[in-house]
Amino acid sequence: MSDWTSQLTVGKNEERVGNPFSGQSAVLQPLEVAVYDYIKGCEATNQWNEMQKGLDWFRSKNPAAYMILLD
């Protein structure tokens, strides 16, 4: 884990996450779920620089899920 991801709360199970706009979904590993939640939290609180950090991480680690859930 990189520095900022080591501070996230990471669960133990994979989860299916849905895109409310497209209806598509993707199965994410526990760290991916934590980063996804981080991104959405940053979006809700207008923390754009932090959100971009999460988006960059997600785009590099799981581009297929990124395209489904966040693009």
PDB file of N, CA and C in Angstrom:
ATOM      1  N   MET A   1       0.830  -1.184   0.000  1.00  0.00           N
ATOM      2  CA  MET A   1       0.000   0.000   0.000  1.00  0.00           C
ATOM      3  C   MET A   1       0.877   1.252   0.000  1.00  0.00           C
ATOM      4  N   SER A   2       0.410   2.250  -0.687  1.00  0.00           N
ATOM      5  CA  SER A   2       1.124   3.521  -0.647  1.00  0.00           C
ATOM      6  C   SER A   2       0.745   4.265   0.628  1.00  0.00           C
ATOM      7  N   ASP A   3       1.418   5.364   0.905  1.00  0.00           N
ATOM      8  CA  ASP A   3       1.206   6.099   2.149  1.00  0.00           C
ATOM      9  C   ASP A   3      -0.258   6.427   2.421  1.00  0.00           C
ATOM     10  N   TRP A   4      -0.932   7.046   1.481  1.00  0.00           N
ATOM     11  CA  TRP A   4      -2.291   7.497   1.762  1.00  0.00           C
ATOM     12  C   TRP A   4      -3.268   6.343   1.861  1.00  0.00           C
ATOM     13  N   THR A   5      -3.057   5.247   1.112  1.00  0.00           N
ATOM     14  CA  THR A   5      -3.994   4.124   1.211  1.00  0.00           C
ATOM     15  C   THR A   5      -3.815   3.351   2.513  1.00  0.00           C
ATOM     16  N   SER A   6      -2.650   3.446   3.140  1.00  0.00           N
ATOM     17  CA  SER A   6      -2.436   2.729   4.394  1.00  0.00           C
ATOM     18  C   SER A   6      -3.274   3.327   5.522  1.00  0.00           C
ATOM     19  N   GLN A   7      -3.802   4.503   5.327  1.00  0.00           N
ATOM     20  CA  GLN A   7      -4.631   5.138   6.345  1.00  0.00           C
ATOM     21  C   GLN A   7      -6.120   4.863   6.168  1.00  0.00           C
ATOM     22  N   LEU A   8      -6.477   4.119   5.125  1.00  0.00           N
ATOM     23  CA  LEU A   8      -7.876   3.786   4.883  1.00  0.00           C
ATOM     24  C   LEU A   8      -8.291   2.582   5.709  1.00  0.00           C
ATOM     25  N   THR A   9      -9.565   2.506   6.032  1.00  0.00           N
ATOM     26  CA  THR A   9     -10.121   1.328   6.678  1.00  0.00           C
ATOM     27  C   THR A   9     -10.475   0.336   5.591  1.00  0.00           C
ATOM     28  N   VAL A  10      -9.827  -0.823   5.611  1.00  0.00           N
ATOM     29  CA  VAL A  10     -10.003  -1.828   4.561  1.00  0.00           C
ATOM     30  C   VAL A  10     -10.703  -3.045   5.156  1.00  0.00           C
ATOM     31  N   GLY A  11     -11.785  -3.446   4.512  1.00  0.00           N
ATOM     32  CA  GLY A  11     -12.527  -4.621   4.958  1.00  0.00           C
ATOM     33  C   GLY A  11     -11.826  -5.905   4.573  1.00  0.00           C
ATOM     34  N   LYS A  12     -12.535  -7.011   4.715  1.00  0.00           N
ATOM     35  CA  LYS A  12     -11.950  -8.318   4.441  1.00  0.00           C
ATOM     36  C   LYS A  12     -12.567  -9.017   3.238  1.00  0.00           C
ATOM     37  N   ASN A  13     -13.681  -8.496   2.730  1.00  0.00           N
ATOM     38  CA  ASN A  13     -14.405  -9.179   1.652  1.00  0.00           C
ATOM     39  C   ASN A  13     -14.503  -8.315   0.408  1.00  0.00           C
ATOM     40  N   GLU A  14     -14.550  -8.984  -0.731  1.00  0.00           N
ATOM     41  CA  GLU A  14     -14.817  -8.261  -1.959  1.00  0.00           C
ATOM     42  C   GLU A  14     -16.290  -7.854  -1.960  1.00  0.00           C
ATOM     43  N   GLU A  15     -16.611  -6.825  -2.733  1.00  0.00           N
ATOM     44  CA  GLU A  15     -17.977  -6.325  -2.802  1.00  0.00           C
ATOM     45  C   GLU A  15     -18.332  -5.971  -4.237  1.00  0.00           C
ATOM     46  N   ARG A  16     -19.594  -6.144  -4.563  1.00  0.00           N
ATOM     47  CA  ARG A  16     -20.096  -5.676  -5.853  1.00  0.00           C
ATOM     48  C   ARG A  16     -20.587  -4.247  -5.650  1.00  0.00           C
ATOM     49  N   VAL A  17     -20.067  -3.335  -6.464  1.00  0.00           N
ATOM     50  CA  VAL A  17     -20.415  -1.917  -6.367  1.00  0.00           C
ATOM     51  C   VAL A  17     -21.098  -1.523  -7.669  1.00  0.00           C
ATOM     52  N   GLY A  18     -22.194  -0.796  -7.556  1.00  0.00           N
ATOM     53  CA  GLY A  18     -22.948  -0.404  -8.734  1.00  0.00           C
ATOM     54  C   GLY A  18     -22.790   1.060  -9.074  1.00  0.00           C
ATOM     55  N   ASN A  19     -22.884   1.343 -10.354  1.00  0.00           N
ATOM     56  CA  ASN A  19     -22.897   2.718 -10.839  1.00  0.00           C
ATOM     57  C   ASN A  19     -24.370   3.134 -10.932  1.00  0.00           C
ATOM     58  N   PRO A  20     -24.794   4.117 -10.141  1.00  0.00           N
ATOM     59  CA  PRO A  20     -26.213   4.485 -10.133  1.00  0.00           C
ATOM     60  C   PRO A  20     -26.685   5.122 -11.433  1.00  0.00           C
ATOM     61  N   PHE A  21     -25.769   5.595 -12.243  1.00  0.00           N
ATOM     62  CA  PHE A  21     -26.145   6.253 -13.490  1.00  0.00           C
ATOM     63  C   PHE A  21     -26.301   5.271 -14.637  1.00  0.00           C
ATOM     64  N   SER A  22     -25.398   4.298 -14.738  1.00  0.00           N
ATOM     65  CA  SER A  22     -25.428   3.359 -15.860  1.00  0.00           C
ATOM     66  C   SER A  22     -26.107   2.039 -15.519  1.00  0.00           C
ATOM     67  N   GLY A  23     -26.199   1.718 -14.224  1.00  0.00           N
ATOM     68  CA  GLY A  23     -26.754   0.430 -13.821  1.00  0.00           C
ATOM     69  C   GLY A  23     -25.739  -0.703 -13.873  1.00  0.00           C
ATOM     70  N   GLN A  24     -24.528  -0.423 -14.365  1.00  0.00           N
ATOM     71  CA  GLN A  24     -23.486  -1.439 -14.408  1.00  0.00           C
ATOM     72  C   GLN A  24     -22.870  -1.586 -13.024  1.00  0.00           C
ATOM     73  N   SER A  25     -22.187  -2.715 -12.827  1.00  0.00           N
ATOM     74  CA  SER A  25     -21.517  -2.919 -11.545  1.00  0.00           C
ATOM     75  C   SER A  25     -20.201  -3.654 -11.766  1.00  0.00           C
ATOM     76  N   ALA A  26     -19.377  -3.644 -10.730  1.00  0.00           N
ATOM     77  CA  ALA A  26     -18.080  -4.322 -10.760  1.00  0.00           C
ATOM     78  C   ALA A  26     -17.806  -4.895  -9.383  1.00  0.00           C
ATOM     79  N   VAL A  27     -17.128  -6.032  -9.360  1.00  0.00           N
ATOM     80  CA  VAL A  27     -16.708  -6.629  -8.098  1.00  0.00           C
ATOM     81  C   VAL A  27     -15.340  -6.048  -7.756  1.00  0.00           C
ATOM     82  N   LEU A  28     -15.237  -5.484  -6.545  1.00  0.00           N
ATOM     83  CA  LEU A  28     -14.000  -4.854  -6.104  1.00  0.00           C
ATOM     84  C   LEU A  28     -13.387  -5.630  -4.953  1.00  0.00           C
ATOM     85  N   GLN A  29     -12.063  -5.653  -4.924  1.00  0.00           N
ATOM     86  CA  GLN A  29     -11.325  -6.227  -3.808  1.00  0.00           C
ATOM     87  C   GLN A  29     -11.399  -5.257  -2.629  1.00  0.00           C
ATOM     88  N   PRO A  30     -11.124  -5.726  -1.412  1.00  0.00           N
ATOM     89  CA  PRO A  30     -11.283  -4.870  -0.238  1.00  0.00           C
ATOM     90  C   PRO A  30     -10.575  -3.517  -0.317  1.00  0.00           C
ATOM     91  N   LEU A  31      -9.334  -3.463  -0.770  1.00  0.00           N
ATOM     92  CA  LEU A  31      -8.648  -2.174  -0.872  1.00  0.00           C
ATOM     93  C   LEU A  31      -9.319  -1.289  -1.917  1.00  0.00           C
ATOM     94  N   GLU A  32      -9.778  -1.878  -3.006  1.00  0.00           N
ATOM     95  CA  GLU A  32     -10.469  -1.107  -4.036  1.00  0.00           C
ATOM     96  C   GLU A  32     -11.772  -0.513  -3.492  1.00  0.00           C
ATOM     97  N   VAL A  33     -12.483  -1.265  -2.668  1.00  0.00           N
ATOM     98  CA  VAL A  33     -13.708  -0.760  -2.045  1.00  0.00           C
ATOM     99  C   VAL A  33     -13.369   0.449  -1.169  1.00  0.00           C
ATOM    100  N   ALA A  34     -12.301   0.338  -0.393  1.00  0.00           N
ATOM    101  CA  ALA A  34     -11.892   1.436   0.487  1.00  0.00           C
ATOM    102  C   ALA A  34     -11.530   2.675  -0.323  1.00  0.00           C
ATOM    103  N   VAL A  35     -10.820   2.503  -1.416  1.00  0.00           N
ATOM    104  CA  VAL A  35     -10.444   3.648  -2.255  1.00  0.00           C
ATOM    105  C   VAL A  35     -11.685   4.227  -2.930  1.00  0.00           C
ATOM    106  N   TYR A  36     -12.583   3.380  -3.390  1.00  0.00           N
ATOM    107  CA  TYR A  36     -13.832   3.846  -4.001  1.00  0.00           C
ATOM    108  C   TYR A  36     -14.618   4.700  -2.992  1.00  0.00           C
ATOM    109  N   ASP A  37     -14.759   4.202  -1.770  1.00  0.00           N
ATOM    110  CA  ASP A  37     -15.461   4.948  -0.728  1.00  0.00           C
ATOM    111  C   ASP A  37     -14.760   6.278  -0.436  1.00  0.00           C
ATOM    112  N   TYR A  38     -13.439   6.271  -0.432  1.00  0.00           N
ATOM    113  CA  TYR A  38     -12.647   7.486  -0.230  1.00  0.00           C
ATOM    114  C   TYR A  38     -12.948   8.503  -1.330  1.00  0.00           C
ATOM    115  N   ILE A  39     -12.958   8.039  -2.575  1.00  0.00           N
ATOM    116  CA  ILE A  39     -13.244   8.907  -3.720  1.00  0.00           C
ATOM    117  C   ILE A  39     -14.622   9.535  -3.572  1.00  0.00           C
ATOM    118  N   LYS A  40     -15.620   8.722  -3.266  1.00  0.00           N
ATOM    119  CA  LYS A  40     -16.985   9.223  -3.151  1.00  0.00           C
ATOM    120  C   LYS A  40     -17.118  10.189  -1.971  1.00  0.00           C
ATOM    121  N   GLY A  41     -16.419   9.917  -0.878  1.00  0.00           N
ATOM    122  CA  GLY A  41     -16.432  10.830   0.256  1.00  0.00           C
ATOM    123  C   GLY A  41     -15.797  12.166  -0.090  1.00  0.00           C
ATOM    124  N   CYS A  42     -14.683  12.111  -0.799  1.00  0.00           N
ATOM    125  CA  CYS A  42     -14.019  13.347  -1.234  1.00  0.00           C
ATOM    126  C   CYS A  42     -14.913  14.141  -2.177  1.00  0.00           C
ATOM    127  N   GLU A  43     -15.604  13.442  -3.053  1.00  0.00           N
ATOM    128  CA  GLU A  43     -16.521  14.105  -3.975  1.00  0.00           C
ATOM    129  C   GLU A  43     -17.636  14.811  -3.196  1.00  0.00           C
ATOM    130  N   ALA A  44     -18.183  14.149  -2.197  1.00  0.00           N
ATOM    131  CA  ALA A  44     -19.288  14.712  -1.422  1.00  0.00           C
ATOM    132  C   ALA A  44     -18.870  15.928  -0.603  1.00  0.00           C
ATOM    133  N   THR A  45     -17.588  15.991  -0.251  1.00  0.00           N
ATOM    134  CA  THR A  45     -17.100  17.080   0.594  1.00  0.00           C
ATOM    135  C   THR A  45     -16.221  18.079  -0.172  1.00  0.00           C
ATOM    136  N   ASN A  46     -16.273  17.989  -1.493  1.00  0.00           N
ATOM    137  CA  ASN A  46     -15.552  18.927  -2.370  1.00  0.00           C
ATOM    138  C   ASN A  46     -14.046  18.954  -2.133  1.00  0.00           C
ATOM    139  N   GLN A  47     -13.463  17.808  -1.834  1.00  0.00           N
ATOM    140  CA  GLN A  47     -12.009  17.695  -1.665  1.00  0.00           C
ATOM    141  C   GLN A  47     -11.417  17.187  -2.984  1.00  0.00           C
ATOM    142  N   TRP A  48     -11.358  18.081  -3.952  1.00  0.00           N
ATOM    143  CA  TRP A  48     -11.037  17.693  -5.324  1.00  0.00           C
ATOM    144  C   TRP A  48      -9.628  17.139  -5.486  1.00  0.00           C
ATOM    145  N   ASN A  49      -8.640  17.698  -4.831  1.00  0.00           N
ATOM    146  CA  ASN A  49      -7.267  17.192  -4.956  1.00  0.00           C
ATOM    147  C   ASN A  49      -7.158  15.782  -4.397  1.00  0.00           C
ATOM    148  N   GLU A  50      -7.793  15.548  -3.261  1.00  0.00           N
ATOM    149  CA  GLU A  50      -7.779  14.211  -2.662  1.00  0.00           C
ATOM    150  C   GLU A  50      -8.546  13.227  -3.541  1.00  0.00           C
ATOM    151  N   MET A  51      -9.661  13.680  -4.090  1.00  0.00           N
ATOM    152  CA  MET A  51     -10.441  12.822  -4.981  1.00  0.00           C
ATOM    153  C   MET A  51      -9.611  12.418  -6.192  1.00  0.00           C
ATOM    154  N   GLN A  52      -8.868  13.366  -6.744  1.00  0.00           N
ATOM    155  CA  GLN A  52      -8.035  13.072  -7.914  1.00  0.00           C
ATOM    156  C   GLN A  52      -6.970  12.044  -7.590  1.00  0.00           C
ATOM    157  N   LYS A  53      -6.413  12.113  -6.396  1.00  0.00           N
ATOM    158  CA  LYS A  53      -5.424  11.126  -5.966  1.00  0.00           C
ATOM    159  C   LYS A  53      -6.044   9.724  -5.984  1.00  0.00           C
ATOM    160  N   GLY A  54      -7.270   9.607  -5.490  1.00  0.00           N
ATOM    161  CA  GLY A  54      -7.964   8.322  -5.506  1.00  0.00           C
ATOM    162  C   GLY A  54      -8.292   7.860  -6.912  1.00  0.00           C
ATOM    163  N   LEU A  55      -8.735   8.780  -7.749  1.00  0.00           N
ATOM    164  CA  LEU A  55      -9.049   8.426  -9.134  1.00  0.00           C
ATOM    165  C   LEU A  55      -7.810   7.937  -9.876  1.00  0.00           C
ATOM    166  N   ASP A  56      -6.695   8.613  -9.674  1.00  0.00           N
ATOM    167  CA  ASP A  56      -5.444   8.194 -10.323  1.00  0.00           C
ATOM    168  C   ASP A  56      -5.047   6.792  -9.871  1.00  0.00           C
ATOM    169  N   TRP A  57      -5.168   6.542  -8.569  1.00  0.00           N
ATOM    170  CA  TRP A  57      -4.838   5.210  -8.030  1.00  0.00           C
ATOM    171  C   TRP A  57      -5.737   4.168  -8.669  1.00  0.00           C
ATOM    172  N   PHE A  58      -7.041   4.432  -8.682  1.00  0.00           N
ATOM    173  CA  PHE A  58      -8.018   3.458  -9.191  1.00  0.00           C
ATOM    174  C   PHE A  58      -7.792   3.193 -10.676  1.00  0.00           C
ATOM    175  N   ARG A  59      -7.524   4.253 -11.416  1.00  0.00           N
ATOM    176  CA  ARG A  59      -7.309   4.121 -12.869  1.00  0.00           C
ATOM    177  C   ARG A  59      -6.109   3.223 -13.163  1.00  0.00           C
ATOM    178  N   SER A  60      -5.080   3.295 -12.332  1.00  0.00           N
ATOM    179  CA  SER A  60      -3.883   2.493 -12.580  1.00  0.00           C
ATOM    180  C   SER A  60      -4.023   1.053 -12.063  1.00  0.00           C
ATOM    181  N   LYS A  61      -4.791   0.838 -11.007  1.00  0.00           N
ATOM    182  CA  LYS A  61      -4.897  -0.488 -10.386  1.00  0.00           C
ATOM    183  C   LYS A  61      -5.996  -1.355 -10.993  1.00  0.00           C
ATOM    184  N   ASN A  62      -7.107  -0.744 -11.406  1.00  0.00           N
ATOM    185  CA  ASN A  62      -8.210  -1.520 -11.961  1.00  0.00           C
ATOM    186  C   ASN A  62      -8.932  -0.675 -13.013  1.00  0.00           C
ATOM    187  N   PRO A  63      -8.319  -0.540 -14.193  1.00  0.00           N
ATOM    188  CA  PRO A  63      -8.908   0.338 -15.204  1.00  0.00           C
ATOM    189  C   PRO A  63     -10.301  -0.099 -15.663  1.00  0.00           C
ATOM    190  N   ALA A  64     -10.562  -1.395 -15.681  1.00  0.00           N
ATOM    191  CA  ALA A  64     -11.884  -1.863 -16.128  1.00  0.00           C
ATOM    192  C   ALA A  64     -12.971  -1.399 -15.161  1.00  0.00           C
ATOM    193  N   ALA A  65     -12.741  -1.576 -13.868  1.00  0.00           N
ATOM    194  CA  ALA A  65     -13.723  -1.131 -12.871  1.00  0.00           C
ATOM    195  C   ALA A  65     -13.806   0.395 -12.850  1.00  0.00           C
ATOM    196  N   TYR A  66     -12.685   1.066 -13.051  1.00  0.00           N
ATOM    197  CA  TYR A  66     -12.690   2.531 -13.120  1.00  0.00           C
ATOM    198  C   TYR A  66     -13.643   3.000 -14.216  1.00  0.00           C
ATOM    199  N   MET A  67     -13.555   2.383 -15.384  1.00  0.00           N
ATOM    200  CA  MET A  67     -14.402   2.776 -16.510  1.00  0.00           C
ATOM    201  C   MET A  67     -15.891   2.544 -16.197  1.00  0.00           C
ATOM    202  N   ILE A  68     -16.194   1.492 -15.463  1.00  0.00           N
ATOM    203  CA  ILE A  68     -17.583   1.176 -15.120  1.00  0.00           C
ATOM    204  C   ILE A  68     -18.117   2.108 -14.034  1.00  0.00           C
ATOM    205  N   LEU A  69     -17.306   2.345 -13.016  1.00  0.00           N
ATOM    206  CA  LEU A  69     -17.815   3.022 -11.825  1.00  0.00           C
ATOM    207  C   LEU A  69     -17.515   4.511 -11.740  1.00  0.00           C
ATOM    208  N   LEU A  70     -16.417   4.953 -12.316  1.00  0.00           N
ATOM    209  CA  LEU A  70     -15.954   6.312 -12.021  1.00  0.00           C
ATOM    210  C   LEU A  70     -15.735   7.207 -13.235  1.00  0.00           C
ATOM    211  N   ASP A  71     -15.718   6.667 -14.425  1.00  0.00           N
ATOM    212  CA  ASP A  71     -15.432   7.477 -15.599  1.00  0.00           C
ATOM    213  C   ASP A  71     -16.675   8.214 -16.066  1.00  0.00           C
TER     214      ASP A  71
END
